[in-house]
């Protein structure tokens, strides 16, 4: 985390301590990840909008990529348990000038995925990307 971002997050947490500092950094990176995934990063600045629903989806995808089967536990430990939590973090960062929103954006856009942790666990259970663990060694 760069120093300015870190200081701003500390200020946010002085007013709202529901989420850990790591959650802010993670959501900030998840915004970039989601914009790239949706190829909005190729558009001119000002037309790269990512909706709340898209950001929550991207946040879940990025969590699985970053943390694998531990993603639900990591997000839960940070206080991120539903789409609204992602929205609260985003709007705290908007209020602090770290992110921006358009006039069409609303906190209501994040009232999706109320069972984010359960959904993450299901995504992981359904994923075929996790290899089977090797068999334990045979002891003589």
N, C-alpha and C. Protein backbone atom coordinates (compact mmCIF):
# COMPACT_ATOMS: atom_id res chain seq x y z
N UNK A 1 0.85 -1.17 0.00
CA UNK A 1 0.00 0.00 0.00
C UNK A 1 0.90 1.23 0.00
N UNK A 2 0.60 2.18 -0.88
CA UNK A 2 1.41 3.39 -0.85
C UNK A 2 1.02 4.24 0.36
N UNK A 3 1.90 5.14 0.72
CA UNK A 3 1.76 5.90 1.97
C UNK A 3 0.48 6.75 2.00
N UNK A 4 0.20 7.44 0.90
CA UNK A 4 -1.00 8.29 0.85
C UNK A 4 -2.27 7.45 1.01
N UNK A 5 -2.33 6.34 0.29
CA UNK A 5 -3.48 5.45 0.38
C UNK A 5 -3.61 4.94 1.81
N UNK A 6 -2.51 4.52 2.38
CA UNK A 6 -2.49 3.99 3.74
C UNK A 6 -2.99 5.02 4.75
N UNK A 7 -2.52 6.25 4.62
CA UNK A 7 -2.95 7.31 5.53
C UNK A 7 -4.44 7.61 5.38
N UNK A 8 -4.92 7.61 4.14
CA UNK A 8 -6.34 7.87 3.89
C UNK A 8 -7.20 6.76 4.47
N UNK A 9 -6.76 5.52 4.33
CA UNK A 9 -7.50 4.39 4.90
C UNK A 9 -7.54 4.51 6.43
N UNK A 10 -6.44 4.92 7.03
CA UNK A 10 -6.43 5.12 8.49
C UNK A 10 -7.45 6.17 8.90
N UNK A 11 -7.56 7.24 8.12
CA UNK A 11 -8.56 8.27 8.40
C UNK A 11 -9.98 7.71 8.27
N UNK A 12 -10.21 6.94 7.23
CA UNK A 12 -11.53 6.31 7.04
C UNK A 12 -11.85 5.44 8.24
N UNK A 13 -10.88 4.65 8.66
CA UNK A 13 -11.10 3.71 9.77
C UNK A 13 -11.32 4.44 11.09
N UNK A 14 -10.89 5.68 11.19
CA UNK A 14 -11.17 6.49 12.36
C UNK A 14 -12.65 6.83 12.48
N UNK A 15 -13.35 6.81 11.34
CA UNK A 15 -14.79 7.10 11.31
C UNK A 15 -15.63 5.83 11.18
N UNK A 16 -15.06 4.82 10.54
CA UNK A 16 -15.79 3.56 10.29
C UNK A 16 -14.81 2.41 10.42
N UNK A 17 -14.86 1.72 11.54
CA UNK A 17 -13.89 0.65 11.79
C UNK A 17 -14.47 -0.75 11.57
N UNK A 18 -15.50 -0.86 10.75
CA UNK A 18 -16.10 -2.17 10.48
C UNK A 18 -15.19 -3.09 9.67
N UNK A 19 -14.28 -2.51 8.89
CA UNK A 19 -13.48 -3.30 7.96
C UNK A 19 -12.00 -3.08 8.23
N UNK A 20 -11.23 -4.12 8.02
CA UNK A 20 -9.78 -4.03 8.21
C UNK A 20 -9.15 -3.26 7.05
N UNK A 21 -7.99 -2.69 7.30
CA UNK A 21 -7.28 -1.91 6.28
C UNK A 21 -7.01 -2.77 5.04
N UNK A 22 -6.71 -4.04 5.24
CA UNK A 22 -6.45 -4.94 4.11
C UNK A 22 -7.65 -5.03 3.17
N UNK A 23 -8.84 -4.92 3.72
CA UNK A 23 -10.05 -4.98 2.89
C UNK A 23 -10.11 -3.80 1.92
N UNK A 24 -9.68 -2.63 2.37
CA UNK A 24 -9.67 -1.46 1.50
C UNK A 24 -8.67 -1.64 0.36
N UNK A 25 -7.49 -2.11 0.69
CA UNK A 25 -6.49 -2.34 -0.34
C UNK A 25 -6.99 -3.40 -1.34
N UNK A 26 -7.58 -4.46 -0.81
CA UNK A 26 -8.08 -5.54 -1.66
C UNK A 26 -9.17 -5.03 -2.60
N UNK A 27 -10.15 -4.30 -2.08
CA UNK A 27 -11.24 -3.80 -2.92
C UNK A 27 -10.70 -2.81 -3.95
N UNK A 28 -9.73 -2.00 -3.58
CA UNK A 28 -9.12 -1.07 -4.52
C UNK A 28 -8.51 -1.83 -5.70
N UNK A 29 -7.80 -2.89 -5.41
CA UNK A 29 -7.20 -3.70 -6.48
C UNK A 29 -8.29 -4.46 -7.25
N UNK A 30 -9.34 -4.90 -6.55
CA UNK A 30 -10.45 -5.61 -7.20
C UNK A 30 -11.17 -4.71 -8.21
N UNK A 31 -11.19 -3.41 -7.96
CA UNK A 31 -11.78 -2.46 -8.92
C UNK A 31 -10.98 -2.53 -10.23
N UNK A 32 -9.67 -2.45 -10.12
CA UNK A 32 -8.81 -2.52 -11.31
C UNK A 32 -8.95 -3.87 -12.00
N UNK A 33 -8.94 -4.95 -11.22
CA UNK A 33 -9.09 -6.29 -11.77
C UNK A 33 -10.40 -6.40 -12.56
N UNK A 34 -11.48 -5.91 -11.97
CA UNK A 34 -12.80 -6.01 -12.60
C UNK A 34 -12.85 -5.19 -13.88
N UNK A 35 -12.31 -3.98 -13.86
CA UNK A 35 -12.29 -3.14 -15.06
C UNK A 35 -11.50 -3.83 -16.18
N UNK A 36 -10.39 -4.45 -15.83
CA UNK A 36 -9.60 -5.17 -16.84
C UNK A 36 -10.34 -6.39 -17.35
N UNK A 37 -10.94 -7.13 -16.45
CA UNK A 37 -11.68 -8.34 -16.84
C UNK A 37 -12.80 -7.99 -17.81
N UNK A 38 -13.47 -6.88 -17.56
CA UNK A 38 -14.58 -6.44 -18.42
C UNK A 38 -14.10 -5.60 -19.60
N UNK A 39 -12.77 -5.45 -19.71
CA UNK A 39 -12.12 -4.69 -20.77
C UNK A 39 -12.54 -3.22 -20.77
N UNK A 40 -12.89 -2.70 -19.60
CA UNK A 40 -13.22 -1.29 -19.48
C UNK A 40 -11.96 -0.45 -19.36
N UNK A 41 -10.86 -1.08 -18.99
CA UNK A 41 -9.60 -0.34 -18.85
C UNK A 41 -9.10 0.15 -20.20
N UNK A 42 -9.63 -0.40 -21.28
CA UNK A 42 -9.23 0.02 -22.63
C UNK A 42 -10.00 1.25 -23.10
N UNK A 43 -11.06 1.58 -22.38
CA UNK A 43 -11.88 2.73 -22.76
C UNK A 43 -11.26 4.01 -22.20
N UNK A 44 -11.64 5.15 -22.78
CA UNK A 44 -11.11 6.41 -22.26
C UNK A 44 -11.56 6.67 -20.83
N UNK A 45 -10.73 7.37 -20.10
CA UNK A 45 -11.06 7.72 -18.71
C UNK A 45 -12.42 8.41 -18.69
N UNK A 46 -13.24 8.04 -17.75
CA UNK A 46 -14.58 8.61 -17.65
C UNK A 46 -15.65 7.69 -18.23
N UNK A 47 -15.22 6.70 -19.02
CA UNK A 47 -16.19 5.74 -19.58
C UNK A 47 -15.81 4.32 -19.18
N UNK A 48 -15.14 4.19 -18.07
CA UNK A 48 -14.70 2.88 -17.58
C UNK A 48 -15.60 2.36 -16.47
N UNK A 49 -16.78 2.88 -16.37
CA UNK A 49 -17.67 2.59 -15.26
C UNK A 49 -17.87 1.09 -15.03
N UNK A 50 -17.81 0.70 -13.78
CA UNK A 50 -18.09 -0.66 -13.35
C UNK A 50 -19.26 -0.55 -12.37
N UNK A 51 -20.32 -1.31 -12.60
CA UNK A 51 -21.49 -1.25 -11.72
C UNK A 51 -21.20 -1.93 -10.39
N UNK A 52 -22.03 -1.67 -9.42
CA UNK A 52 -21.89 -2.31 -8.12
C UNK A 52 -21.96 -3.83 -8.23
N UNK A 53 -22.93 -4.32 -8.98
CA UNK A 53 -23.09 -5.77 -9.20
C UNK A 53 -21.83 -6.36 -9.83
N UNK A 54 -21.31 -5.68 -10.87
CA UNK A 54 -20.10 -6.16 -11.53
C UNK A 54 -18.92 -6.16 -10.58
N UNK A 55 -18.83 -5.14 -9.74
CA UNK A 55 -17.71 -5.06 -8.81
C UNK A 55 -17.77 -6.15 -7.75
N UNK A 56 -18.96 -6.45 -7.25
CA UNK A 56 -19.08 -7.53 -6.27
C UNK A 56 -18.68 -8.85 -6.91
N UNK A 57 -19.16 -9.09 -8.12
CA UNK A 57 -18.78 -10.32 -8.84
C UNK A 57 -17.26 -10.37 -9.04
N UNK A 58 -16.69 -9.26 -9.49
CA UNK A 58 -15.24 -9.20 -9.70
C UNK A 58 -14.46 -9.39 -8.41
N UNK A 59 -15.00 -8.86 -7.32
CA UNK A 59 -14.35 -9.02 -6.02
C UNK A 59 -14.32 -10.49 -5.61
N UNK A 60 -15.42 -11.19 -5.86
CA UNK A 60 -15.44 -12.63 -5.53
C UNK A 60 -14.46 -13.39 -6.41
N UNK A 61 -14.45 -13.09 -7.70
CA UNK A 61 -13.50 -13.76 -8.60
C UNK A 61 -12.06 -13.51 -8.16
N UNK A 62 -11.76 -12.25 -7.86
CA UNK A 62 -10.40 -11.90 -7.48
C UNK A 62 -10.01 -12.55 -6.14
N UNK A 63 -10.96 -12.66 -5.23
CA UNK A 63 -10.69 -13.32 -3.95
C UNK A 63 -10.29 -14.77 -4.16
N UNK A 64 -10.99 -15.45 -5.04
CA UNK A 64 -10.67 -16.86 -5.31
C UNK A 64 -9.30 -16.96 -5.96
N UNK A 65 -9.00 -16.05 -6.88
CA UNK A 65 -7.69 -16.06 -7.54
C UNK A 65 -6.58 -15.81 -6.52
N UNK A 66 -6.78 -14.83 -5.66
CA UNK A 66 -5.74 -14.45 -4.70
C UNK A 66 -5.57 -15.43 -3.54
N UNK A 67 -6.69 -15.94 -3.03
CA UNK A 67 -6.63 -16.70 -1.78
C UNK A 67 -7.09 -18.14 -1.91
N UNK A 68 -7.55 -18.56 -3.09
CA UNK A 68 -7.98 -19.94 -3.28
C UNK A 68 -9.05 -20.34 -2.28
N UNK A 69 -8.91 -21.54 -1.73
CA UNK A 69 -9.94 -22.06 -0.83
C UNK A 69 -10.04 -21.28 0.48
N UNK A 70 -9.07 -20.41 0.75
CA UNK A 70 -9.12 -19.58 1.96
C UNK A 70 -9.88 -18.26 1.76
N UNK A 71 -10.31 -17.99 0.54
CA UNK A 71 -10.98 -16.72 0.23
C UNK A 71 -12.13 -16.40 1.18
N UNK A 72 -13.05 -17.32 1.45
CA UNK A 72 -14.15 -16.98 2.36
C UNK A 72 -13.66 -16.57 3.75
N UNK A 73 -12.68 -17.28 4.26
CA UNK A 73 -12.18 -16.98 5.60
C UNK A 73 -11.46 -15.63 5.64
N UNK A 74 -10.69 -15.34 4.59
CA UNK A 74 -9.97 -14.06 4.55
C UNK A 74 -10.96 -12.90 4.52
N UNK A 75 -11.93 -12.95 3.60
CA UNK A 75 -12.90 -11.85 3.51
C UNK A 75 -13.72 -11.73 4.79
N UNK A 76 -14.10 -12.85 5.35
CA UNK A 76 -14.87 -12.83 6.59
C UNK A 76 -14.06 -12.18 7.72
N UNK A 77 -12.79 -12.51 7.80
CA UNK A 77 -11.92 -11.93 8.83
C UNK A 77 -11.79 -10.42 8.65
N UNK A 78 -11.84 -9.95 7.43
CA UNK A 78 -11.76 -8.52 7.14
C UNK A 78 -13.09 -7.80 7.34
N UNK A 79 -14.18 -8.56 7.59
CA UNK A 79 -15.49 -7.96 7.78
C UNK A 79 -16.32 -7.89 6.52
N UNK A 80 -15.86 -8.49 5.45
CA UNK A 80 -16.57 -8.46 4.16
C UNK A 80 -17.35 -9.76 4.02
N UNK A 81 -18.66 -9.67 4.24
CA UNK A 81 -19.48 -10.88 4.24
C UNK A 81 -20.62 -10.85 3.23
N UNK A 82 -20.88 -9.67 2.66
CA UNK A 82 -21.96 -9.56 1.68
C UNK A 82 -21.64 -8.41 0.72
N UNK A 83 -22.40 -8.35 -0.36
CA UNK A 83 -22.18 -7.31 -1.35
C UNK A 83 -22.23 -5.91 -0.76
N UNK A 84 -23.11 -5.70 0.19
CA UNK A 84 -23.21 -4.38 0.83
C UNK A 84 -21.90 -3.97 1.50
N UNK A 85 -21.15 -4.93 2.03
CA UNK A 85 -19.87 -4.60 2.64
C UNK A 85 -18.90 -4.06 1.60
N UNK A 86 -18.89 -4.66 0.42
CA UNK A 86 -18.05 -4.14 -0.66
C UNK A 86 -18.49 -2.71 -0.98
N UNK A 87 -19.79 -2.49 -1.05
CA UNK A 87 -20.32 -1.15 -1.31
C UNK A 87 -19.94 -0.15 -0.24
N UNK A 88 -20.00 -0.56 1.02
CA UNK A 88 -19.61 0.35 2.10
C UNK A 88 -18.15 0.76 1.98
N UNK A 89 -17.30 -0.20 1.66
CA UNK A 89 -15.88 0.09 1.48
C UNK A 89 -15.70 1.04 0.30
N UNK A 90 -16.36 0.75 -0.82
CA UNK A 90 -16.26 1.59 -2.00
C UNK A 90 -16.71 3.02 -1.68
N UNK A 91 -17.86 3.14 -1.03
CA UNK A 91 -18.37 4.49 -0.74
C UNK A 91 -17.53 5.21 0.31
N UNK A 92 -16.91 4.49 1.21
CA UNK A 92 -15.96 5.14 2.13
C UNK A 92 -14.77 5.68 1.34
N UNK A 93 -14.30 4.91 0.35
CA UNK A 93 -13.18 5.37 -0.47
C UNK A 93 -13.60 6.51 -1.38
N UNK A 94 -14.83 6.49 -1.87
CA UNK A 94 -15.33 7.61 -2.68
C UNK A 94 -15.36 8.87 -1.84
N UNK A 95 -15.87 8.75 -0.62
CA UNK A 95 -15.94 9.90 0.28
C UNK A 95 -14.57 10.48 0.60
N UNK A 96 -13.55 9.63 0.58
CA UNK A 96 -12.19 10.08 0.89
C UNK A 96 -11.41 10.48 -0.36
N UNK A 97 -12.04 10.39 -1.53
CA UNK A 97 -11.39 10.79 -2.77
C UNK A 97 -10.50 9.74 -3.40
N UNK A 98 -10.57 8.50 -2.92
CA UNK A 98 -9.74 7.44 -3.49
C UNK A 98 -10.36 6.82 -4.73
N UNK A 99 -11.67 6.84 -4.82
CA UNK A 99 -12.42 6.35 -5.98
C UNK A 99 -13.43 7.41 -6.37
N UNK A 100 -14.03 7.24 -7.53
CA UNK A 100 -15.07 8.18 -7.95
C UNK A 100 -16.32 7.42 -8.34
N UNK A 101 -17.44 8.12 -8.32
CA UNK A 101 -18.74 7.55 -8.70
C UNK A 101 -19.43 8.51 -9.64
N UNK A 102 -20.27 7.95 -10.48
CA UNK A 102 -21.08 8.77 -11.38
C UNK A 102 -22.43 9.06 -10.75
N UNK A 103 -23.16 9.95 -11.35
CA UNK A 103 -24.47 10.32 -10.80
C UNK A 103 -25.46 9.15 -10.80
N UNK A 104 -25.23 8.17 -11.65
CA UNK A 104 -26.11 7.01 -11.72
C UNK A 104 -25.79 5.96 -10.67
N UNK A 105 -24.69 6.10 -9.96
CA UNK A 105 -24.25 5.12 -8.96
C UNK A 105 -24.97 5.33 -7.64
N UNK A 106 -25.17 4.22 -6.93
CA UNK A 106 -25.86 4.26 -5.65
C UNK A 106 -25.37 3.11 -4.77
N UNK A 107 -25.46 3.32 -3.48
CA UNK A 107 -25.15 2.22 -2.55
C UNK A 107 -26.07 1.03 -2.78
N UNK A 108 -27.27 1.30 -3.27
CA UNK A 108 -28.23 0.21 -3.53
C UNK A 108 -27.71 -0.77 -4.57
N UNK A 109 -26.79 -0.30 -5.43
CA UNK A 109 -26.22 -1.17 -6.45
C UNK A 109 -25.47 -2.35 -5.85
N UNK A 110 -25.10 -2.22 -4.59
CA UNK A 110 -24.32 -3.26 -3.91
C UNK A 110 -25.20 -4.18 -3.06
N UNK A 111 -26.50 -3.99 -3.12
CA UNK A 111 -27.41 -4.84 -2.35
C UNK A 111 -27.65 -6.13 -3.12
N UNK A 112 -26.58 -6.78 -3.42
CA UNK A 112 -26.60 -8.05 -4.14
C UNK A 112 -25.68 -9.00 -3.38
N UNK A 113 -25.83 -10.23 -3.63
CA UNK A 113 -24.99 -11.24 -2.99
C UNK A 113 -24.98 -11.11 -1.46
N UNK A 114 -26.17 -11.21 -0.84
CA UNK A 114 -26.23 -11.12 0.61
C UNK A 114 -25.52 -12.27 1.30
N UNK A 115 -25.31 -13.34 0.59
CA UNK A 115 -24.61 -14.51 1.13
C UNK A 115 -23.26 -14.68 0.43
N UNK A 116 -22.49 -13.62 0.36
CA UNK A 116 -21.23 -13.62 -0.37
C UNK A 116 -20.30 -14.74 0.09
N UNK A 117 -20.18 -14.95 1.37
CA UNK A 117 -19.28 -15.98 1.90
C UNK A 117 -19.74 -17.37 1.47
N UNK A 118 -21.04 -17.61 1.54
CA UNK A 118 -21.59 -18.90 1.12
C UNK A 118 -21.36 -19.09 -0.38
N UNK A 119 -21.55 -18.03 -1.16
CA UNK A 119 -21.33 -18.10 -2.60
C UNK A 119 -19.87 -18.39 -2.92
N UNK A 120 -18.97 -17.77 -2.19
CA UNK A 120 -17.55 -18.04 -2.40
C UNK A 120 -17.24 -19.51 -2.13
N UNK A 121 -17.77 -20.01 -1.04
CA UNK A 121 -17.53 -21.43 -0.73
C UNK A 121 -18.07 -22.34 -1.83
N UNK A 122 -19.22 -21.98 -2.39
CA UNK A 122 -19.80 -22.78 -3.47
C UNK A 122 -18.96 -22.68 -4.73
N UNK A 123 -18.48 -21.49 -5.05
CA UNK A 123 -17.62 -21.33 -6.23
C UNK A 123 -16.38 -22.20 -6.11
N UNK A 124 -15.82 -22.21 -4.92
CA UNK A 124 -14.60 -22.98 -4.70
C UNK A 124 -14.90 -24.48 -4.80
N UNK A 125 -16.03 -24.90 -4.23
CA UNK A 125 -16.40 -26.31 -4.30
C UNK A 125 -16.65 -26.75 -5.74
N UNK A 126 -17.17 -25.84 -6.56
CA UNK A 126 -17.47 -26.16 -7.96
C UNK A 126 -16.25 -26.05 -8.86
N UNK A 127 -15.19 -25.41 -8.38
CA UNK A 127 -14.02 -25.16 -9.23
C UNK A 127 -13.27 -26.45 -9.51
N UNK A 128 -12.89 -26.61 -10.75
CA UNK A 128 -12.09 -27.78 -11.13
C UNK A 128 -10.61 -27.44 -11.15
N UNK A 129 -10.28 -26.20 -10.84
CA UNK A 129 -8.89 -25.75 -10.92
C UNK A 129 -8.02 -26.23 -9.76
N UNK A 130 -8.65 -26.69 -8.70
CA UNK A 130 -7.87 -27.11 -7.55
C UNK A 130 -7.49 -28.57 -7.71
N UNK A 131 -6.20 -28.85 -7.80
CA UNK A 131 -5.79 -30.24 -7.98
C UNK A 131 -6.03 -31.05 -6.71
N UNK A 132 -6.21 -32.33 -6.91
CA UNK A 132 -6.35 -33.23 -5.77
C UNK A 132 -5.03 -33.24 -5.01
N UNK A 133 -5.10 -33.22 -3.68
CA UNK A 133 -3.84 -33.29 -2.93
C UNK A 133 -3.18 -34.65 -3.14
N UNK A 134 -1.86 -34.68 -3.09
CA UNK A 134 -1.17 -35.95 -3.28
C UNK A 134 -1.47 -36.89 -2.12
N UNK A 135 -1.38 -38.16 -2.41
CA UNK A 135 -1.59 -39.16 -1.36
C UNK A 135 -0.47 -39.04 -0.34
N UNK A 136 -0.79 -39.28 0.91
CA UNK A 136 0.26 -39.21 1.94
C UNK A 136 1.32 -40.27 1.66
N UNK A 137 2.55 -40.01 2.07
CA UNK A 137 3.61 -41.00 1.83
C UNK A 137 3.35 -42.27 2.63
N UNK A 138 3.78 -43.38 2.07
CA UNK A 138 3.64 -44.66 2.75
C UNK A 138 4.86 -44.84 3.64
N UNK A 139 4.63 -45.09 4.91
CA UNK A 139 5.72 -45.30 5.85
C UNK A 139 6.01 -46.79 5.96
N UNK A 140 7.26 -47.13 5.99
CA UNK A 140 7.66 -48.54 6.11
C UNK A 140 7.62 -49.01 7.54
